[in-house]
Amino acid sequence: MIFLVHYDRRAQQLLRFDKYDDADHVRAADDRLDLELSLLGSDRENEIVLFSAASEAALRVSHARYFYSLEELAIAAAQSQGPMPC
């Protein structure tokens, strides 16, 4: 699967999360470009990325910072749970 993530670094907030089938990689890339162009000049600290992962659960483990607050990540680390459960 392919995932489009729009994340505001300053606010530490996930603003957009879209899923695409692997066969839709061209559409996913076009959507990413359209989003980047629409945000030119924005005062947000935008992070717009495409990820390829076996599943959303796998992405949530490998890139947990997009989905969980710093507090949630710190609690999980303190409890030695490793990656956030999905």
N, C-alpha and C. Protein backbone atom coordinates (compact mmCIF):
# COMPACT_ATOMS: atom_id res chain seq x y z
N MET A 1 0.83 -1.19 0.00
CA MET A 1 0.00 0.00 0.00
C MET A 1 0.88 1.24 0.00
N ILE A 2 0.29 2.31 -0.47
CA ILE A 2 0.95 3.61 -0.50
C ILE A 2 0.15 4.56 0.39
N PHE A 3 0.85 5.37 1.15
CA PHE A 3 0.21 6.28 2.09
C PHE A 3 0.73 7.69 1.86
N LEU A 4 -0.18 8.63 1.75
CA LEU A 4 0.15 10.06 1.65
C LEU A 4 -0.07 10.67 3.03
N VAL A 5 0.97 11.28 3.56
CA VAL A 5 0.93 11.87 4.89
C VAL A 5 1.22 13.36 4.78
N HIS A 6 0.34 14.16 5.37
CA HIS A 6 0.58 15.60 5.49
C HIS A 6 0.61 15.89 6.98
N TYR A 7 1.77 16.32 7.44
CA TYR A 7 2.02 16.52 8.86
C TYR A 7 2.51 17.93 9.10
N ASP A 8 1.95 18.60 10.11
CA ASP A 8 2.39 19.93 10.51
C ASP A 8 3.40 19.75 11.64
N ARG A 9 4.67 19.99 11.34
CA ARG A 9 5.73 19.79 12.34
C ARG A 9 5.58 20.71 13.54
N ARG A 10 5.24 21.95 13.30
CA ARG A 10 5.15 22.91 14.40
C ARG A 10 4.04 22.50 15.37
N ALA A 11 2.88 22.14 14.84
CA ALA A 11 1.74 21.75 15.68
C ALA A 11 1.81 20.28 16.10
N GLN A 12 2.74 19.53 15.50
CA GLN A 12 2.86 18.09 15.74
C GLN A 12 1.50 17.42 15.54
N GLN A 13 0.93 17.68 14.37
CA GLN A 13 -0.42 17.22 14.08
C GLN A 13 -0.51 16.63 12.68
N LEU A 14 -1.13 15.48 12.58
CA LEU A 14 -1.40 14.85 11.30
C LEU A 14 -2.61 15.55 10.68
N LEU A 15 -2.42 16.13 9.50
CA LEU A 15 -3.48 16.88 8.85
C LEU A 15 -4.20 16.09 7.77
N ARG A 16 -3.49 15.15 7.17
CA ARG A 16 -4.09 14.37 6.09
C ARG A 16 -3.42 13.01 6.04
N PHE A 17 -4.23 11.98 5.80
CA PHE A 17 -3.71 10.63 5.69
C PHE A 17 -4.57 9.89 4.67
N ASP A 18 -4.00 9.64 3.50
CA ASP A 18 -4.73 8.96 2.42
C ASP A 18 -4.04 7.64 2.09
N LYS A 19 -4.85 6.66 1.70
CA LYS A 19 -4.34 5.34 1.35
C LYS A 19 -4.59 5.08 -0.13
N TYR A 20 -3.64 4.41 -0.76
CA TYR A 20 -3.73 4.06 -2.17
C TYR A 20 -3.27 2.62 -2.36
N ASP A 21 -3.87 1.95 -3.31
CA ASP A 21 -3.37 0.64 -3.71
C ASP A 21 -2.02 0.83 -4.40
N ASP A 22 -1.19 -0.18 -4.38
CA ASP A 22 0.13 -0.09 -5.02
C ASP A 22 0.01 0.30 -6.49
N ALA A 23 -1.04 -0.14 -7.16
CA ALA A 23 -1.22 0.17 -8.58
C ALA A 23 -1.53 1.65 -8.82
N ASP A 24 -1.91 2.38 -7.76
CA ASP A 24 -2.27 3.80 -7.88
C ASP A 24 -1.11 4.72 -7.54
N HIS A 25 0.13 4.26 -7.77
CA HIS A 25 1.29 5.08 -7.38
C HIS A 25 1.37 6.40 -8.15
N VAL A 26 0.91 6.42 -9.39
CA VAL A 26 0.93 7.67 -10.17
C VAL A 26 -0.07 8.66 -9.57
N ARG A 27 -1.26 8.18 -9.24
CA ARG A 27 -2.27 9.06 -8.63
C ARG A 27 -1.78 9.58 -7.28
N ALA A 28 -1.15 8.72 -6.50
CA ALA A 28 -0.62 9.14 -5.20
C ALA A 28 0.44 10.24 -5.37
N ALA A 29 1.33 10.07 -6.33
CA ALA A 29 2.37 11.07 -6.59
C ALA A 29 1.75 12.38 -7.08
N ASP A 30 0.74 12.28 -7.93
CA ASP A 30 0.04 13.49 -8.41
C ASP A 30 -0.64 14.21 -7.26
N ASP A 31 -1.29 13.46 -6.37
CA ASP A 31 -1.96 14.07 -5.22
C ASP A 31 -0.96 14.75 -4.30
N ARG A 32 0.21 14.12 -4.11
CA ARG A 32 1.26 14.74 -3.28
C ARG A 32 1.71 16.06 -3.89
N LEU A 33 1.95 16.06 -5.20
CA LEU A 33 2.39 17.27 -5.87
C LEU A 33 1.31 18.36 -5.79
N ASP A 34 0.06 18.00 -6.03
CA ASP A 34 -1.03 18.96 -5.92
C ASP A 34 -1.10 19.56 -4.53
N LEU A 35 -0.94 18.74 -3.52
CA LEU A 35 -0.97 19.23 -2.14
C LEU A 35 0.19 20.17 -1.88
N GLU A 36 1.38 19.79 -2.31
CA GLU A 36 2.54 20.66 -2.10
C GLU A 36 2.35 22.01 -2.78
N LEU A 37 1.85 22.00 -4.00
CA LEU A 37 1.62 23.25 -4.72
C LEU A 37 0.56 24.11 -4.05
N SER A 38 -0.48 23.47 -3.52
CA SER A 38 -1.55 24.22 -2.86
C SER A 38 -1.08 24.87 -1.56
N LEU A 39 -0.01 24.36 -0.99
CA LEU A 39 0.48 24.86 0.30
C LEU A 39 1.65 25.83 0.17
N LEU A 40 2.06 26.13 -1.05
CA LEU A 40 3.16 27.09 -1.23
C LEU A 40 2.80 28.40 -0.55
N GLY A 41 3.72 28.92 0.23
CA GLY A 41 3.50 30.17 0.94
C GLY A 41 2.78 30.02 2.26
N SER A 42 2.40 28.81 2.62
CA SER A 42 1.73 28.56 3.88
C SER A 42 2.70 28.83 5.03
N ASP A 43 2.17 29.25 6.16
CA ASP A 43 3.02 29.50 7.31
C ASP A 43 3.21 28.25 8.17
N ARG A 44 2.61 27.16 7.77
CA ARG A 44 2.81 25.90 8.49
C ARG A 44 4.17 25.31 8.14
N GLU A 45 4.66 24.47 9.01
CA GLU A 45 5.87 23.70 8.71
C GLU A 45 5.40 22.35 8.18
N ASN A 46 5.05 22.34 6.91
CA ASN A 46 4.46 21.17 6.29
C ASN A 46 5.49 20.10 5.98
N GLU A 47 5.11 18.88 6.24
CA GLU A 47 5.87 17.72 5.83
C GLU A 47 4.89 16.86 5.04
N ILE A 48 5.16 16.68 3.77
CA ILE A 48 4.28 15.93 2.89
C ILE A 48 5.10 14.80 2.29
N VAL A 49 4.71 13.57 2.60
CA VAL A 49 5.50 12.42 2.18
C VAL A 49 4.60 11.29 1.69
N LEU A 50 5.18 10.48 0.83
CA LEU A 50 4.56 9.23 0.42
C LEU A 50 5.36 8.09 1.03
N PHE A 51 4.66 7.13 1.60
CA PHE A 51 5.29 5.94 2.16
C PHE A 51 4.72 4.71 1.47
N SER A 52 5.54 3.71 1.36
CA SER A 52 5.09 2.41 0.92
C SER A 52 5.28 1.47 2.09
N ALA A 53 4.22 0.76 2.46
CA ALA A 53 4.30 -0.18 3.59
C ALA A 53 3.33 -1.33 3.33
N ALA A 54 3.59 -2.44 3.98
CA ALA A 54 2.74 -3.62 3.81
C ALA A 54 1.33 -3.37 4.32
N SER A 55 1.20 -2.50 5.34
CA SER A 55 -0.11 -2.22 5.93
C SER A 55 -0.04 -0.91 6.71
N GLU A 56 -1.21 -0.40 7.06
CA GLU A 56 -1.25 0.80 7.89
C GLU A 56 -0.64 0.50 9.26
N ALA A 57 -0.89 -0.69 9.78
CA ALA A 57 -0.32 -1.06 11.08
C ALA A 57 1.21 -1.03 11.03
N ALA A 58 1.79 -1.52 9.96
CA ALA A 58 3.24 -1.50 9.83
C ALA A 58 3.76 -0.06 9.76
N LEU A 59 3.05 0.80 9.06
CA LEU A 59 3.46 2.21 8.97
C LEU A 59 3.36 2.89 10.33
N ARG A 60 2.32 2.57 11.08
CA ARG A 60 2.15 3.17 12.42
C ARG A 60 3.27 2.76 13.36
N VAL A 61 3.87 1.61 13.14
CA VAL A 61 5.01 1.18 13.96
C VAL A 61 6.28 1.85 13.48
N SER A 62 6.51 1.84 12.16
CA SER A 62 7.77 2.37 11.63
C SER A 62 7.85 3.89 11.66
N HIS A 63 6.71 4.57 11.65
CA HIS A 63 6.67 6.04 11.64
C HIS A 63 5.68 6.56 12.68
N ALA A 64 5.83 6.08 13.88
CA ALA A 64 4.88 6.37 14.97
C ALA A 64 4.72 7.86 15.25
N ARG A 65 5.73 8.66 15.02
CA ARG A 65 5.65 10.09 15.37
C ARG A 65 4.55 10.82 14.61
N TYR A 66 4.13 10.29 13.47
CA TYR A 66 3.05 10.92 12.72
C TYR A 66 1.68 10.64 13.33
N PHE A 67 1.59 9.59 14.12
CA PHE A 67 0.30 9.11 14.59
C PHE A 67 0.06 9.26 16.08
N TYR A 68 1.13 9.44 16.84
CA TYR A 68 1.03 9.50 18.29
C TYR A 68 1.72 10.76 18.81
N SER A 69 1.19 11.29 19.88
CA SER A 69 1.79 12.50 20.47
C SER A 69 3.12 12.15 21.12
N LEU A 70 3.92 13.18 21.37
CA LEU A 70 5.19 12.96 22.06
C LEU A 70 4.95 12.34 23.44
N GLU A 71 3.88 12.76 24.07
CA GLU A 71 3.54 12.21 25.39
C GLU A 71 3.26 10.71 25.29
N GLU A 72 2.47 10.32 24.30
CA GLU A 72 2.16 8.90 24.12
C GLU A 72 3.42 8.09 23.81
N LEU A 73 4.29 8.65 22.99
CA LEU A 73 5.54 7.95 22.67
C LEU A 73 6.44 7.83 23.89
N ALA A 74 6.49 8.89 24.71
CA ALA A 74 7.32 8.87 25.92
C ALA A 74 6.79 7.85 26.92
N ILE A 75 5.48 7.79 27.08
CA ILE A 75 4.89 6.82 28.00
C ILE A 75 5.19 5.40 27.54
N ALA A 76 5.04 5.14 26.25
CA ALA A 76 5.34 3.81 25.71
C ALA A 76 6.79 3.44 25.93
N ALA A 77 7.70 4.42 25.73
CA ALA A 77 9.13 4.15 25.92
C ALA A 77 9.43 3.89 27.39
N ALA A 78 8.80 4.66 28.28
CA ALA A 78 9.04 4.50 29.71
C ALA A 78 8.53 3.15 30.21
N GLN A 79 7.49 2.67 29.60
CA GLN A 79 6.94 1.38 30.00
C GLN A 79 7.62 0.22 29.27
N SER A 80 8.63 0.56 28.46
CA SER A 80 9.41 -0.43 27.71
C SER A 80 8.53 -1.30 26.84
N GLN A 81 7.54 -0.69 26.25
CA GLN A 81 6.66 -1.43 25.36
C GLN A 81 7.21 -1.51 23.95
N GLY A 82 8.25 -0.77 23.66
CA GLY A 82 8.75 -0.73 22.31
C GLY A 82 7.83 0.12 21.45
N PRO A 83 7.68 -0.25 20.19
CA PRO A 83 6.83 0.54 19.29
C PRO A 83 5.39 0.58 19.79
N MET A 84 4.71 1.64 19.41
CA MET A 84 3.32 1.80 19.80
C MET A 84 2.49 0.64 19.27
N PRO A 85 1.60 0.11 20.07
CA PRO A 85 0.70 -0.94 19.58
C PRO A 85 -0.29 -0.36 18.59
N CYS A 86 -0.70 -1.16 17.66
CA CYS A 86 -1.65 -0.69 16.64
C CYS A 86 -3.02 -1.28 16.88
